[in-house]
Protein backbone atom coordinates (compact mmCIF):
# COMPACT_ATOMS: atom_id res chain seq x y z
CA MET A 1 2.47 78.16 164.40
CA ARG A 2 1.15 76.16 160.82
CA SER A 3 4.70 75.21 158.72
CA LEU A 4 4.75 73.46 156.25
CA VAL A 5 7.92 71.03 155.03
CA VAL A 6 8.53 71.02 151.31
CA TYR A 7 11.21 68.72 150.50
CA ALA A 8 12.82 67.71 147.08
CA HIS A 9 15.10 65.62 146.81
CA PRO A 10 15.43 62.17 145.13
CA ASP A 11 17.96 59.93 147.20
CA PRO A 12 15.22 59.10 150.19
CA SER A 13 19.61 58.14 152.19
CA SER A 14 20.61 62.26 151.24
CA TYR A 15 22.07 64.59 153.66
CA CYS A 16 19.41 66.34 152.04
CA ALA A 17 17.41 63.94 153.64
CA ALA A 18 18.67 64.22 157.06
CA LEU A 19 18.45 67.65 157.22
CA ARG A 20 14.54 67.51 156.24
CA ASP A 21 14.21 65.60 159.31
CA LYS A 22 16.33 67.94 161.61
CA VAL A 23 13.65 70.53 160.37
CA VAL A 24 10.87 68.49 161.18
CA ALA A 25 12.23 67.21 164.59
CA GLY A 26 13.40 71.01 165.47
CA LEU A 27 9.30 72.55 164.44
CA ALA A 28 7.84 69.36 166.20
CA ALA A 29 9.73 70.14 169.38
CA ALA A 30 8.72 73.49 169.41
CA GLY A 31 5.32 72.89 169.05
CA HIS A 32 4.84 73.73 165.57
CA GLU A 33 2.06 72.20 163.37
CA LEU A 34 3.17 70.59 160.90
CA ARG A 35 2.52 69.00 157.49
CA VAL A 36 5.22 67.74 155.29
CA THR A 37 5.55 67.41 151.70
CA ASP A 38 7.90 64.89 149.60
CA LEU A 39 7.76 65.62 146.75
CA TYR A 40 9.85 63.09 144.85
CA ALA A 41 7.89 60.53 147.19
CA GLU A 42 4.47 61.38 145.94
CA GLY A 43 5.38 61.08 142.48
CA PHE A 44 4.68 65.36 141.51
CA ASP A 45 4.96 66.03 137.85
CA PRO A 46 6.67 69.10 137.35
CA LEU A 47 6.60 69.03 133.74
CA PHE A 48 4.06 72.16 132.90
CA THR A 49 2.32 71.41 130.20
CA ALA A 50 1.22 73.32 127.09
CA ALA A 51 -2.31 72.83 128.13
CA GLU A 52 -1.95 74.59 131.49
CA HIS A 53 0.05 77.42 129.60
CA ALA A 54 -2.82 78.30 127.81
CA ALA A 55 -5.63 77.97 130.42
CA HIS A 56 -2.38 80.25 133.07
CA LEU A 57 -4.88 83.09 133.61
CA ASP A 58 -8.07 81.03 133.87
CA VAL A 59 -8.61 80.74 137.72
CA GLY A 60 -9.70 77.10 138.73
CA ALA A 61 -8.59 75.70 135.70
CA HIS A 62 -4.86 73.92 137.74
CA PRO A 63 -7.16 70.68 139.49
CA HIS A 64 -4.02 68.94 140.12
CA ALA A 65 -2.79 72.17 141.89
CA ALA A 66 -5.20 71.70 144.81
CA ALA A 67 -3.49 69.86 147.78
CA HIS A 68 -0.84 71.55 147.10
CA VAL A 69 -2.65 74.86 147.11
CA ALA A 70 -4.97 73.89 150.08
CA ASP A 71 -1.56 73.42 152.70
CA LEU A 72 -0.85 76.94 151.21
CA GLN A 73 -3.60 78.04 152.47
CA TRP A 74 -3.53 76.84 155.46
CA CYS A 75 0.39 77.30 156.44
CA ASP A 76 2.21 80.86 159.07
CA GLN A 77 4.96 78.95 157.60
CA LEU A 78 6.62 77.95 154.54
CA VAL A 79 9.87 75.75 154.95
CA LEU A 80 11.64 74.49 151.92
CA VAL A 81 14.59 71.77 152.15
CA TYR A 82 16.41 71.10 148.82
CA PRO A 83 19.55 70.97 147.67
CA THR A 84 21.03 74.23 145.34
CA TRP A 85 21.78 72.94 141.92
CA TRP A 86 23.55 74.76 139.05
CA SER A 87 22.72 77.74 141.61
CA GLY A 88 19.32 77.48 141.71
CA GLN A 89 16.07 75.35 142.72
CA PRO A 90 16.08 71.71 141.81
CA ALA A 91 13.88 70.93 138.77
CA MET A 92 11.01 68.80 140.92
CA LEU A 93 10.83 72.08 142.84
CA LYS A 94 11.11 74.70 140.06
CA GLY A 95 8.12 72.46 138.47
CA TRP A 96 6.36 72.51 141.87
CA ILE A 97 6.44 76.88 142.03
CA ASP A 98 5.17 76.52 138.36
CA ARG A 99 2.44 74.28 138.60
CA VAL A 100 0.77 75.08 142.29
CA TRP A 101 1.53 79.03 142.46
CA VAL A 102 -0.82 79.58 140.58
CA ARG A 103 -3.06 82.60 139.52
CA GLY A 104 -6.10 82.51 142.07
CA ALA A 105 -4.62 80.08 144.25
CA THR A 106 -1.35 82.71 145.07
CA TRP A 107 -1.62 85.84 142.96
CA GLU A 108 -4.06 87.32 140.89
CA LEU A 109 -3.56 89.61 138.57
CA PRO A 110 -6.20 91.93 138.59
CA ALA A 111 -8.70 93.45 135.36
CA GLY A 112 -6.19 95.95 133.02
CA GLY A 113 -3.06 95.38 135.85
CA ASN A 114 0.03 94.81 135.17
CA ARG A 115 0.92 93.83 138.77
CA LEU A 116 0.14 91.15 140.49
CA GLN A 117 -1.33 90.73 143.95
CA GLY A 118 -0.52 88.48 146.22
CA ARG A 119 -2.98 86.41 147.47
CA LEU A 120 -0.80 84.03 150.54
CA ARG A 121 -1.55 86.75 153.45
CA ASN A 122 -1.30 83.87 155.83
CA VAL A 123 2.05 82.99 155.12
CA ARG A 124 4.61 85.15 157.42
CA SER A 125 7.73 83.14 157.12
CA LEU A 126 9.78 81.83 154.39
CA VAL A 127 12.47 79.72 155.68
CA VAL A 128 15.12 77.62 153.17
CA VAL A 129 16.96 74.70 154.12
CA THR A 130 19.50 73.51 151.89
CA THR A 131 23.15 72.88 150.40
CA HIS A 132 25.77 75.20 147.91
CA GLY A 133 28.33 72.84 145.76
CA SER A 134 30.46 75.71 145.69
CA SER A 135 31.21 78.43 148.26
CA LYS A 136 29.17 81.75 149.43
CA TRP A 137 31.49 84.24 147.40
CA VAL A 138 30.48 82.23 144.06
CA ASN A 139 26.85 82.79 144.60
CA VAL A 140 27.17 86.25 145.25
CA LEU A 141 29.22 86.56 142.19
CA GLN A 142 26.69 84.55 140.53
CA GLY A 143 23.62 86.64 141.68
CA GLU A 144 22.08 84.72 144.09
CA PRO A 145 19.52 83.67 141.72
CA GLY A 146 18.27 80.72 143.59
CA LYS A 147 18.17 83.06 147.02
CA ARG A 148 16.49 85.44 145.15
CA THR A 149 13.60 83.58 144.04
CA VAL A 150 12.31 83.05 147.05
CA SER A 151 13.67 86.37 148.71
CA ARG A 152 11.69 88.95 145.50
CA THR A 153 9.60 86.62 144.23
CA LEU A 154 8.01 84.33 146.38
CA ARG A 155 7.98 86.41 149.28
CA ALA A 156 5.74 89.00 146.61
CA VAL A 157 2.89 86.79 147.00
CA CYS A 158 2.95 86.78 150.75
CA HIS A 159 2.02 88.70 153.49
CA ARG A 160 3.14 92.14 153.27
CA ARG A 161 5.30 91.58 156.11
CA ALA A 162 6.32 88.41 155.37
CA ARG A 163 10.29 87.60 156.41
CA THR A 164 13.19 85.70 154.31
CA THR A 165 15.40 83.32 157.07
CA TRP A 166 18.22 81.13 154.35
CA ILE A 167 20.08 78.49 156.72
CA ALA A 168 22.99 77.17 153.57
CA LEU A 169 25.76 74.73 154.05
CA TYR A 170 27.98 76.42 151.44
CA GLY A 171 30.61 73.90 150.29
CA VAL A 172 29.05 71.04 151.05
CA ASP A 173 31.22 69.19 148.25
CA ARG A 174 34.12 69.87 150.19
CA SER A 175 32.39 69.61 153.57
CA SER A 176 33.86 67.63 156.07
CA LEU A 177 31.81 64.45 158.10
CA GLU A 178 32.40 66.99 161.58
CA ASP A 179 31.21 70.02 159.01
CA ARG A 180 27.88 68.35 158.05
CA GLN A 181 26.62 67.48 161.71
CA ALA A 182 27.54 70.77 162.92
CA PHE A 183 25.50 72.30 160.14
CA LEU A 184 22.62 69.53 161.20
CA ASP A 185 22.89 69.89 164.91
CA ALA A 186 22.38 73.90 164.28
CA ILE A 187 19.32 73.42 162.77
CA PRO A 188 17.11 73.72 165.72
CA ARG A 189 18.38 76.48 166.94
CA ARG A 190 18.31 78.64 163.96
CA LEU A 191 14.66 77.12 163.59
CA ALA A 192 14.47 79.00 166.81
CA SER A 193 15.82 82.04 166.12
CA ARG A 194 14.75 85.11 168.01
CA ARG A 195 12.45 86.64 165.21
CA LEU A 196 10.78 83.61 164.10
CA ARG A 197 10.19 83.11 167.99
CA ARG A 198 8.10 86.51 167.79
CA LEU A 199 6.20 85.03 164.26
CA ALA A 200 5.27 81.91 166.33
CA ARG A 201 3.96 84.19 169.65
CA HIS A 202 1.58 86.43 166.95
CA ARG A 203 0.25 83.42 165.82
CA SER A 204 -1.02 81.84 169.53
CA GLY A 205 -1.55 85.09 169.65
CA ALA A 206 -4.31 85.63 167.09
CA ALA A 207 -5.43 82.05 167.44
CA ALA A 208 -5.61 82.70 171.23
CA ASP A 209 -8.25 85.42 170.01
CA GLY A 210 -10.30 83.12 167.43
CA THR A 211 -8.25 85.90 165.04
CA ARG A 212 -6.05 85.28 161.99
CA PRO A 213 -2.98 87.20 161.38
């Protein structure tokens, strides 16, 4: 399986960085082909400019997104690793979505239409590894906006049978060292769930046939 890991946290020594490393190690051990994007390390600019907004319906008007789009079109699985801040994705990651998931790359709007058509049909799995300062119940009461962004909005432009996997440590600010270590240690097992293994086998079988899923 081809897995693209997109990571967003400003502190290279953060707990999220340890999560990223565990994710990468787990996927590599499972035999995945990997590409890793560290948005802060590469200096990605999340600012969606007025000029980009004016041209956001123009196919090919976003050259800054080309490398990131190529990665999205390459992968079978997208793995996002980030802290949940203010109930959603950090501004850096949200800016990446705004500036990279653009028309002609991840979606299309037919002439006269009012419903997007997804173009990332290669992506069959979306995985989120994240932390929350609040509890699971607080997030449920808030409507889980960060989770909905992935499971409903991003998923809508991926393969029609794409599935989402949510791996979250809630109450991280009050968690013990043992809690955080246990969550870290469980990452490879969570990534190797039965459903994700089935997707990987599907990808391997398609590759053996010389086809793409």
